[in-house]
Amino acid sequence: MADTQTLPMVDAESSLANLAPAVHLDHCVIHVTDWERSNAFYGEVLQAEIIPRGAGFAYRFGGVQLNVHGPGVTATPLAERPVMPGNSDLCFRWSGPIETAAAHLAAHGIPVELGPVPRNGAAGPGLSLYFRDPDGSLMEFITYPEA
C-alpha cells in the first residue's frame, strides 16, 4: 500500500514525547479463526507488519498495534465479554484519494460493502469505504481532504 504512510517506531516514539501527557491508543485486540488467512489479509491488504507472538501474531501499523487472539493463544486477562471473531469494527486512515483505496481493495479481490460515503473520524470530515476481514469484522478506510 504505497499510498499509505505510517510512522517508523523511532518517529512514533519521539512524536509521543511531544504529545504528553495526553492518552494515546497503543494497541487493541481482535480475534481471528485462521492465522494463515488473517496474516495474508492484514499483511497484504492492510500492509501490517506481522509480528510473531508465541502461538500467534500481532499486526503492527507504525506505532499502533492489533494484538490478536486466535487458535492456540490463551490470553489473560480478558475483557468481561471477550472479543470474538467477526465482531470488531476498525477504521484505518488511507493517505491517498479514496479512489486509490477502492482500487487497492479491488486489486486484492476485496469487495467494498459501502462507500465512498462521508464520515467523521479522528481528523474531522472525510470519505470512507467499508469492507470485511476474513472473519467478517467490519473494516473501514477513511481519507481526509488535503489542506
Protein backbone atom coordinates (compact mmCIF):
# COMPACT_ATOMS: atom_id res chain seq x y z
CA MET A 1 0.00 0.00 0.00
CA ALA A 2 2.43 2.62 -1.23
CA ASP A 3 -0.08 5.45 -0.73
CA THR A 4 -0.37 4.80 3.00
CA GLN A 5 2.13 6.21 5.45
CA THR A 6 2.84 5.06 8.97
CA LEU A 7 5.49 6.38 11.29
CA PRO A 8 8.53 4.19 11.94
CA MET A 9 8.72 3.21 15.62
CA VAL A 10 11.52 5.72 16.33
CA ASP A 11 9.49 8.60 14.84
CA ALA A 12 6.32 7.43 16.57
CA GLU A 13 8.07 7.27 19.94
CA SER A 14 9.66 10.71 19.55
CA SER A 15 6.28 12.12 18.47
CA LEU A 16 4.70 10.74 21.64
CA ALA A 17 7.04 12.83 23.80
CA ASN A 18 5.65 15.97 22.16
CA LEU A 19 2.07 14.90 22.93
CA ALA A 20 2.47 14.11 26.66
CA PRO A 21 0.59 13.93 28.98
CA ALA A 22 -2.29 13.03 26.63
CA VAL A 23 -3.52 9.44 26.43
CA HIS A 24 -2.92 7.68 23.10
CA LEU A 25 -4.07 4.35 21.70
CA ASP A 26 -1.21 1.84 21.86
CA HIS A 27 -3.00 -1.36 20.88
CA CYS A 28 -6.37 -3.05 20.76
CA VAL A 29 -7.44 -6.67 20.33
CA ILE A 30 -9.12 -8.56 17.53
CA HIS A 31 -9.91 -12.28 17.33
CA VAL A 32 -9.36 -14.46 14.26
CA THR A 33 -10.11 -18.07 13.38
CA ASP A 34 -7.33 -18.83 10.89
CA TRP A 35 -3.77 -17.48 11.19
CA GLU A 36 -2.72 -18.06 7.59
CA ARG A 37 -5.81 -16.40 6.14
CA SER A 38 -5.71 -13.49 8.61
CA ASN A 39 -1.96 -12.90 8.24
CA ALA A 40 -2.39 -12.74 4.47
CA PHE A 41 -5.28 -10.25 4.76
CA TYR A 42 -3.73 -7.96 7.37
CA GLY A 43 -0.27 -8.18 5.80
CA GLU A 44 -1.21 -7.80 2.13
CA VAL A 45 -4.42 -5.76 2.20
CA LEU A 46 -3.74 -3.57 5.25
CA GLN A 47 0.08 -3.64 4.95
CA ALA A 48 0.58 -4.54 8.62
CA GLU A 49 3.92 -5.74 9.88
CA ILE A 50 3.25 -9.32 11.04
CA ILE A 51 4.82 -9.85 14.48
CA PRO A 52 5.17 -13.45 15.73
CA ARG A 53 3.99 -13.76 19.37
CA GLY A 54 4.16 -17.25 20.88
CA ALA A 55 1.50 -19.39 19.21
CA GLY A 56 0.02 -16.35 17.46
CA PHE A 57 0.76 -12.98 15.91
CA ALA A 58 0.20 -9.26 16.29
CA TYR A 59 -0.32 -6.77 13.46
CA ARG A 60 1.65 -3.53 13.73
CA PHE A 61 0.95 -0.28 11.90
CA GLY A 62 3.82 2.05 12.81
CA GLY A 63 3.24 2.93 16.47
CA VAL A 64 -0.18 1.23 16.79
CA GLN A 65 -0.69 -2.50 17.14
CA LEU A 66 -3.51 -5.00 16.88
CA ASN A 67 -2.97 -7.82 19.36
CA VAL A 68 -4.65 -10.91 18.03
CA HIS A 69 -6.42 -13.73 19.83
CA GLY A 70 -6.76 -16.87 17.77
CA PRO A 71 -6.02 -20.59 17.55
CA GLY A 72 -3.51 -21.70 20.18
CA VAL A 73 -3.48 -18.37 22.03
CA THR A 74 -4.54 -18.25 25.67
CA ALA A 75 -4.82 -14.59 26.62
CA THR A 76 -5.15 -13.24 30.13
CA PRO A 77 -6.67 -11.10 31.43
CA LEU A 78 -9.68 -10.85 29.14
CA ALA A 79 -12.49 -8.36 28.77
CA GLU A 80 -15.70 -9.24 30.61
CA ARG A 81 -17.13 -10.20 27.20
CA PRO A 82 -14.03 -11.15 25.17
CA VAL A 83 -13.83 -10.12 21.54
CA MET A 84 -14.99 -12.86 19.20
CA PRO A 85 -14.08 -13.44 15.55
CA GLY A 86 -16.11 -11.16 13.32
CA ASN A 87 -17.27 -8.65 15.94
CA SER A 88 -14.61 -5.93 15.61
CA ASP A 89 -15.10 -2.63 13.82
CA LEU A 90 -11.84 -0.90 12.85
CA CYS A 91 -11.03 2.19 10.81
CA PHE A 92 -7.69 2.77 9.07
CA ARG A 93 -6.57 6.08 7.61
CA TRP A 94 -5.74 5.86 3.88
CA SER A 95 -3.40 8.70 2.95
CA GLY A 96 -4.32 8.94 -0.74
CA PRO A 97 -7.56 9.60 -2.59
CA ILE A 98 -10.48 7.31 -1.80
CA GLU A 99 -10.35 6.07 -5.41
CA THR A 100 -6.88 4.59 -4.82
CA ALA A 101 -8.19 2.83 -1.70
CA ALA A 102 -11.01 1.34 -3.79
CA ALA A 103 -8.54 0.27 -6.49
CA HIS A 104 -6.27 -1.29 -3.84
CA LEU A 105 -9.16 -3.34 -2.43
CA ALA A 106 -10.26 -4.40 -5.94
CA ALA A 107 -6.71 -5.49 -6.77
CA HIS A 108 -6.82 -7.81 -3.74
CA GLY A 109 -10.31 -9.13 -4.55
CA ILE A 110 -11.88 -7.45 -1.52
CA PRO A 111 -15.45 -6.26 -2.19
CA VAL A 112 -16.48 -2.82 -0.95
CA GLU A 113 -19.62 -3.16 1.15
CA LEU A 114 -20.41 0.56 1.36
CA GLY A 115 -18.90 3.75 0.01
CA PRO A 116 -17.45 6.03 -0.63
CA VAL A 117 -19.59 7.79 1.98
CA PRO A 118 -18.97 10.91 4.08
CA ARG A 119 -17.87 10.12 7.64
CA ASN A 120 -16.28 11.92 10.58
CA GLY A 121 -13.11 10.45 12.00
CA ALA A 122 -10.27 11.50 14.27
CA ALA A 123 -9.15 14.23 11.84
CA GLY A 124 -12.67 15.51 11.08
CA PRO A 125 -14.80 15.05 7.95
CA GLY A 126 -13.61 12.52 5.39
CA LEU A 127 -14.71 9.85 2.92
CA SER A 128 -14.89 6.18 3.85
CA LEU A 129 -15.08 2.74 2.26
CA TYR A 130 -16.31 -0.26 4.23
CA PHE A 131 -15.20 -3.87 3.71
CA ARG A 132 -14.69 -7.01 5.81
CA ASP A 133 -11.79 -9.07 7.08
CA PRO A 134 -11.85 -12.87 6.54
CA ASP A 135 -13.82 -13.42 9.77
CA GLY A 136 -16.43 -10.75 8.98
CA SER A 137 -15.15 -7.89 11.14
CA LEU A 138 -16.01 -4.52 9.64
CA MET A 139 -13.04 -2.62 8.25
CA GLU A 140 -13.00 0.98 7.06
CA PHE A 141 -10.57 3.06 5.04
CA ILE A 142 -11.05 6.79 5.65
CA THR A 143 -9.44 9.61 3.67
CA TYR A 144 -9.31 13.27 4.60
CA PRO A 145 -9.26 16.23 2.20
CA GLU A 146 -5.85 17.73 1.64
CA ALA A 147 -5.38 21.05 3.41
